[in-house]
C-alpha atoms as a PDB file:
ATOM      1  CA  MET A   1     -34.646 -48.152 -19.416  1.00  0.00           C
ATOM      2  CA  PHE A   2     -36.741 -51.268 -20.099  1.00  0.00           C
ATOM      3  CA  ARG A   3     -34.207 -52.532 -22.678  1.00  0.00           C
ATOM      4  CA  THR A   4     -31.354 -51.978 -20.231  1.00  0.00           C
ATOM      5  CA  LEU A   5     -33.157 -53.926 -17.525  1.00  0.00           C
ATOM      6  CA  LEU A   6     -34.026 -56.696 -19.994  1.00  0.00           C
ATOM      7  CA  ALA A   7     -30.391 -56.897 -21.124  1.00  0.00           C
ATOM      8  CA  LEU A   8     -29.239 -57.099 -17.504  1.00  0.00           C
ATOM      9  CA  LEU A   9     -31.747 -59.840 -16.743  1.00  0.00           C
ATOM     10  CA  LEU A  10     -30.528 -61.835 -19.730  1.00  0.00           C
ATOM     11  CA  CYS A  11     -26.949 -61.594 -18.371  1.00  0.00           C
ATOM     12  CA  ALA A  12     -27.938 -63.614 -15.293  1.00  0.00           C
ATOM     13  CA  VAL A  13     -27.468 -67.218 -16.276  1.00  0.00           C
ATOM     14  CA  ALA A  14     -28.861 -69.931 -14.027  1.00  0.00           C
ATOM     15  CA  VAL A  15     -26.251 -72.658 -14.280  1.00  0.00           C
ATOM     16  CA  GLN A  16     -27.674 -75.320 -12.019  1.00  0.00           C
ATOM     17  CA  ALA A  17     -30.549 -76.131  -9.678  1.00  0.00           C
ATOM     18  CA  GLU A  18     -30.420 -79.432  -7.863  1.00  0.00           C
ATOM     19  CA  LEU A  19     -32.170 -81.261  -5.014  1.00  0.00           C
ATOM     20  CA  THR A  20     -30.554 -84.464  -3.753  1.00  0.00           C
ATOM     21  CA  ALA A  21     -31.940 -86.805  -1.099  1.00  0.00           C
ATOM     22  CA  ASN A  22     -29.095 -88.459   0.804  1.00  0.00           C
ATOM     23  CA  ASP A  23     -29.024 -91.980   2.268  1.00  0.00           C
ATOM     24  CA  ASP A  24     -28.790 -90.671   5.845  1.00  0.00           C
ATOM     25  CA  GLY A  25     -32.199 -88.950   5.692  1.00  0.00           C
ATOM     26  CA  SER A  26     -30.739 -85.552   4.935  1.00  0.00           C
ATOM     27  CA  PHE A  27     -31.035 -83.585   1.723  1.00  0.00           C
ATOM     28  CA  THR A  28     -28.929 -81.116  -0.239  1.00  0.00           C
ATOM     29  CA  VAL A  29     -30.104 -78.181  -2.335  1.00  0.00           C
ATOM     30  CA  ILE A  30     -27.719 -76.550  -4.812  1.00  0.00           C
ATOM     31  CA  GLU A  31     -28.477 -73.319  -6.676  1.00  0.00           C
ATOM     32  CA  THR A  32     -25.972 -71.683  -9.010  1.00  0.00           C
ATOM     33  CA  VAL A  33     -26.154 -68.343 -10.768  1.00  0.00           C
ATOM     34  CA  THR A  34     -23.685 -66.195 -12.726  1.00  0.00           C
ATOM     35  CA  LEU A  35     -24.001 -62.442 -12.253  1.00  0.00           C
ATOM     36  CA  PRO A  36     -22.000 -59.441 -13.441  1.00  0.00           C
ATOM     37  CA  GLY A  37     -19.481 -58.186 -10.882  1.00  0.00           C
ATOM     38  CA  GLU A  38     -16.387 -59.183  -8.974  1.00  0.00           C
ATOM     39  CA  PRO A  39     -16.496 -61.885  -6.273  1.00  0.00           C
ATOM     40  CA  ASP A  40     -15.706 -59.426  -3.440  1.00  0.00           C
ATOM     41  CA  VAL A  41     -18.534 -57.110  -4.516  1.00  0.00           C
ATOM     42  CA  LEU A  42     -21.109 -59.925  -4.719  1.00  0.00           C
ATOM     43  CA  TYR A  43     -19.862 -61.449  -1.454  1.00  0.00           C
ATOM     44  CA  ASP A  44     -20.450 -58.075   0.207  1.00  0.00           C
ATOM     45  CA  ALA A  45     -23.937 -57.902  -1.360  1.00  0.00           C
ATOM     46  CA  MET A  46     -24.826 -61.319   0.098  1.00  0.00           C
ATOM     47  CA  THR A  47     -23.544 -60.393   3.574  1.00  0.00           C
ATOM     48  CA  GLY A  48     -23.872 -57.461   5.964  1.00  0.00           C
ATOM     49  CA  ASP A  49     -27.271 -55.776   5.704  1.00  0.00           C
ATOM     50  CA  ILE A  50     -29.252 -58.211   3.538  1.00  0.00           C
ATOM     51  CA  SER A  51     -32.654 -56.609   4.041  1.00  0.00           C
ATOM     52  CA  GLY A  52     -32.610 -55.327   0.452  1.00  0.00           C
ATOM     53  CA  TRP A  53     -33.019 -58.816  -0.983  1.00  0.00           C
ATOM     54  CA  TRP A  54     -33.711 -61.348   1.817  1.00  0.00           C
ATOM     55  CA  ASP A  55     -37.485 -61.387   2.083  1.00  0.00           C
ATOM     56  CA  HIS A  56     -38.309 -64.218   4.486  1.00  0.00           C
ATOM     57  CA  SER A  57     -38.588 -63.325   8.161  1.00  0.00           C
ATOM     58  CA  PHE A  58     -40.445 -64.093  11.371  1.00  0.00           C
ATOM     59  CA  SER A  59     -41.477 -60.462  11.768  1.00  0.00           C
ATOM     60  CA  ASP A  60     -43.776 -58.762   9.264  1.00  0.00           C
ATOM     61  CA  GLN A  61     -41.416 -55.779   9.196  1.00  0.00           C
ATOM     62  CA  PRO A  62     -38.038 -56.699  10.682  1.00  0.00           C
ATOM     63  CA  HIS A  63     -35.966 -53.847  12.056  1.00  0.00           C
ATOM     64  CA  ALA A  64     -32.852 -55.436  10.505  1.00  0.00           C
ATOM     65  CA  LEU A  65     -31.658 -58.565   8.700  1.00  0.00           C
ATOM     66  CA  LYS A  66     -27.902 -59.138   8.928  1.00  0.00           C
ATOM     67  CA  LEU A  67     -25.382 -61.768   7.946  1.00  0.00           C
ATOM     68  CA  GLU A  68     -22.224 -60.863   9.843  1.00  0.00           C
ATOM     69  CA  ALA A  69     -19.305 -62.017   7.668  1.00  0.00           C
ATOM     70  CA  TRP A  70     -16.798 -63.287  10.227  1.00  0.00           C
ATOM     71  CA  PRO A  71     -16.369 -66.572  12.134  1.00  0.00           C
ATOM     72  CA  GLY A  72     -18.860 -66.490  14.994  1.00  0.00           C
ATOM     73  CA  GLY A  73     -20.899 -63.817  13.205  1.00  0.00           C
ATOM     74  CA  ARG A  74     -24.657 -64.078  13.297  1.00  0.00           C
ATOM     75  CA  PHE A  75     -27.345 -64.410  10.683  1.00  0.00           C
ATOM     76  CA  ILE A  76     -29.806 -62.407  12.716  1.00  0.00           C
ATOM     77  CA  GLU A  77     -33.228 -60.881  12.380  1.00  0.00           C
ATOM     78  CA  GLU A  78     -33.834 -57.965  14.724  1.00  0.00           C
ATOM     79  CA  PHE A  79     -37.490 -57.292  15.447  1.00  0.00           C
ATOM     80  CA  ASP A  80     -36.935 -53.931  17.175  1.00  0.00           C
ATOM     81  CA  ASP A  81     -34.434 -51.818  19.145  1.00  0.00           C
ATOM     82  CA  GLN A  82     -35.203 -53.627  22.417  1.00  0.00           C
ATOM     83  CA  GLY A  83     -33.186 -56.782  21.610  1.00  0.00           C
ATOM     84  CA  ASN A  84     -36.056 -58.945  20.391  1.00  0.00           C
ATOM     85  CA  GLY A  85     -35.353 -61.087  17.355  1.00  0.00           C
ATOM     86  CA  ALA A  86     -34.241 -64.428  15.993  1.00  0.00           C
ATOM     87  CA  LEU A  87     -30.835 -66.008  15.477  1.00  0.00           C
ATOM     88  CA  HIS A  88     -31.156 -67.880  12.181  1.00  0.00           C
ATOM     89  CA  ALA A  89     -27.580 -69.190  12.036  1.00  0.00           C
ATOM     90  CA  THR A  90     -23.963 -68.706  13.108  1.00  0.00           C
ATOM     91  CA  VAL A  91     -21.120 -68.141  10.642  1.00  0.00           C
ATOM     92  CA  ILE A  92     -18.564 -70.968  10.826  1.00  0.00           C
ATOM     93  CA  LEU A  93     -16.318 -69.930   7.893  1.00  0.00           C
ATOM     94  CA  ALA A  94     -15.748 -66.568   6.229  1.00  0.00           C
ATOM     95  CA  ASP A  95     -13.280 -65.894   3.398  1.00  0.00           C
ATOM     96  CA  ARG A  96     -14.276 -62.649   1.649  1.00  0.00           C
ATOM     97  CA  GLY A  97     -14.867 -63.055  -2.065  1.00  0.00           C
ATOM     98  CA  LYS A  98     -14.427 -66.823  -1.894  1.00  0.00           C
ATOM     99  CA  MET A  99     -16.752 -68.488   0.595  1.00  0.00           C
ATOM    100  CA  ILE A 100     -19.026 -68.028   3.568  1.00  0.00           C
ATOM    101  CA  ARG A 101     -20.632 -70.875   5.512  1.00  0.00           C
ATOM    102  CA  TYR A 102     -23.168 -70.708   8.314  1.00  0.00           C
ATOM    103  CA  GLU A 103     -25.027 -73.239  10.432  1.00  0.00           C
ATOM    104  CA  GLY A 104     -28.389 -73.060  12.193  1.00  0.00           C
ATOM    105  CA  PRO A 105     -32.116 -73.679  11.937  1.00  0.00           C
ATOM    106  CA  MET A 106     -32.717 -70.719   9.585  1.00  0.00           C
ATOM    107  CA  GLY A 107     -36.497 -70.177   9.290  1.00  0.00           C
ATOM    108  CA  LEU A 108     -37.160 -73.685  10.579  1.00  0.00           C
ATOM    109  CA  SER A 109     -36.757 -72.894  14.292  1.00  0.00           C
ATOM    110  CA  GLY A 110     -38.666 -75.310  16.463  1.00  0.00           C
ATOM    111  CA  ARG A 111     -37.775 -78.366  14.387  1.00  0.00           C
ATOM    112  CA  ALA A 112     -35.023 -80.788  15.352  1.00  0.00           C
ATOM    113  CA  LEU A 113     -32.795 -80.079  12.364  1.00  0.00           C
ATOM    114  CA  THR A 114     -29.672 -78.279  11.247  1.00  0.00           C
ATOM    115  CA  ASN A 115     -28.903 -76.359   8.058  1.00  0.00           C
ATOM    116  CA  VAL A 116     -25.366 -75.857   6.825  1.00  0.00           C
ATOM    117  CA  VAL A 117     -25.380 -73.260   4.043  1.00  0.00           C
ATOM    118  CA  THR A 118     -22.354 -72.419   1.904  1.00  0.00           C
ATOM    119  CA  TYR A 119     -21.971 -69.606  -0.629  1.00  0.00           C
ATOM    120  CA  GLU A 120     -19.010 -70.091  -3.009  1.00  0.00           C
ATOM    121  CA  PHE A 121     -17.832 -67.301  -5.326  1.00  0.00           C
ATOM    122  CA  SER A 122     -15.807 -67.928  -8.521  1.00  0.00           C
ATOM    123  CA  ALA A 123     -14.657 -65.263 -10.967  1.00  0.00           C
ATOM    124  CA  GLU A 124     -15.806 -65.838 -14.566  1.00  0.00           C
ATOM    125  CA  GLY A 125     -14.314 -62.992 -16.619  1.00  0.00           C
ATOM    126  CA  ASP A 126     -16.175 -59.839 -15.586  1.00  0.00           C
ATOM    127  CA  SER A 127     -18.837 -61.924 -13.808  1.00  0.00           C
ATOM    128  CA  THR A 128     -19.002 -64.181 -10.773  1.00  0.00           C
ATOM    129  CA  THR A 129     -20.565 -67.607 -10.431  1.00  0.00           C
ATOM    130  CA  ILE A 130     -22.214 -68.053  -7.041  1.00  0.00           C
ATOM    131  CA  LYS A 131     -22.938 -71.585  -5.874  1.00  0.00           C
ATOM    132  CA  VAL A 132     -25.258 -71.874  -2.884  1.00  0.00           C
ATOM    133  CA  THR A 133     -25.348 -75.268  -1.192  1.00  0.00           C
ATOM    134  CA  ALA A 134     -27.854 -75.896   1.607  1.00  0.00           C
ATOM    135  CA  GLN A 135     -27.495 -79.171   3.488  1.00  0.00           C
ATOM    136  CA  VAL A 136     -30.278 -80.099   5.905  1.00  0.00           C
ATOM    137  CA  ILE A 137     -30.325 -82.974   8.366  1.00  0.00           C
ATOM    138  CA  GLY A 138     -32.648 -83.910  11.202  1.00  0.00           C
ATOM    139  CA  GLN A 139     -36.430 -83.895  11.299  1.00  0.00           C
ATOM    140  CA  VAL A 140     -36.839 -83.848   7.505  1.00  0.00           C
ATOM    141  CA  ASN A 141     -39.190 -85.346   4.942  1.00  0.00           C
ATOM    142  CA  THR A 142     -39.880 -85.096   1.202  1.00  0.00           C
ATOM    143  CA  GLU A 143     -42.359 -82.235   1.655  1.00  0.00           C
ATOM    144  CA  LEU A 144     -39.842 -80.181   3.647  1.00  0.00           C
ATOM    145  CA  ALA A 145     -37.117 -80.886   1.089  1.00  0.00           C
ATOM    146  CA  ASP A 146     -39.357 -79.614  -1.704  1.00  0.00           C
ATOM    147  CA  ILE A 147     -40.225 -76.448   0.249  1.00  0.00           C
ATOM    148  CA  VAL A 148     -36.570 -75.717   1.065  1.00  0.00           C
ATOM    149  CA  ASN A 149     -35.618 -76.327  -2.572  1.00  0.00           C
ATOM    150  CA  LYS A 150     -38.208 -73.780  -3.743  1.00  0.00           C
ATOM    151  CA  VAL A 151     -37.162 -71.251  -1.097  1.00  0.00           C
ATOM    152  CA  TRP A 152     -33.483 -71.388  -2.118  1.00  0.00           C
ATOM    153  CA  TYR A 153     -34.460 -71.080  -5.784  1.00  0.00           C
ATOM    154  CA  HIS A 154     -36.426 -67.979  -4.808  1.00  0.00           C
ATOM    155  CA  PHE A 155     -33.566 -66.426  -2.797  1.00  0.00           C
ATOM    156  CA  VAL A 156     -30.945 -66.945  -5.508  1.00  0.00           C
ATOM    157  CA  HIS A 157     -32.908 -66.392  -8.732  1.00  0.00           C
ATOM    158  CA  GLU A 158     -35.933 -64.284  -7.788  1.00  0.00           C
ATOM    159  CA  ALA A 159     -34.564 -62.129  -4.954  1.00  0.00           C
ATOM    160  CA  PHE A 160     -30.760 -61.801  -5.071  1.00  0.00           C
ATOM    161  CA  ALA A 161     -30.168 -61.877  -8.849  1.00  0.00           C
ATOM    162  CA  PRO A 162     -32.721 -59.103  -9.626  1.00  0.00           C
ATOM    163  CA  TYR A 163     -31.344 -57.070  -6.678  1.00  0.00           C
ATOM    164  CA  VAL A 164     -27.850 -57.198  -8.216  1.00  0.00           C
ATOM    165  CA  LEU A 165     -29.019 -56.725 -11.807  1.00  0.00           C
ATOM    166  CA  ALA A 166     -30.905 -53.580 -10.785  1.00  0.00           C
ATOM    167  CA  GLY A 167     -27.695 -52.236  -9.197  1.00  0.00           C
ATOM    168  CA  LYS A 168     -29.221 -52.039  -5.712  1.00  0.00           C
ATOM    169  CA  HIS A 169     -26.124 -53.619  -4.156  1.00  0.00           C
ATOM    170  CA  LYS A 170     -23.928 -50.616  -5.026  1.00  0.00           C
END
């Protein structure tokens, strides 16, 4: 069992991690990972009910975390059954197995800023390369850029990749 898990972990290849400060005061974070599986399967794992791998929330124990994979869909955290929660973003582009893009404050509600996050999926033999690009503009500074960079590294490499490699997405 341990050898199987180790072999699966070694299959996940981090291709790129990048933080770029832009001239307009915004910044861009890019994380790329290659994981075993078809683009449609990994797209589905990154959308819908994401509570199995998305571990940042306003609530200590959210009732649900969802990324609805259609234009106008919500990236939403439900606190309970009574309608309390947080809208993290709104989906502005959805193309199953290829790309999803959403826009909103994410966990930075209360700041004057906007995140545009894009997940791109490319087949690589029996694996898929996933490129996550997070662009942030507004009330930003170097400290915030560093925090956001670390958070996206965590989501892609420490949360989502192990979730897939352990087969929890199936």
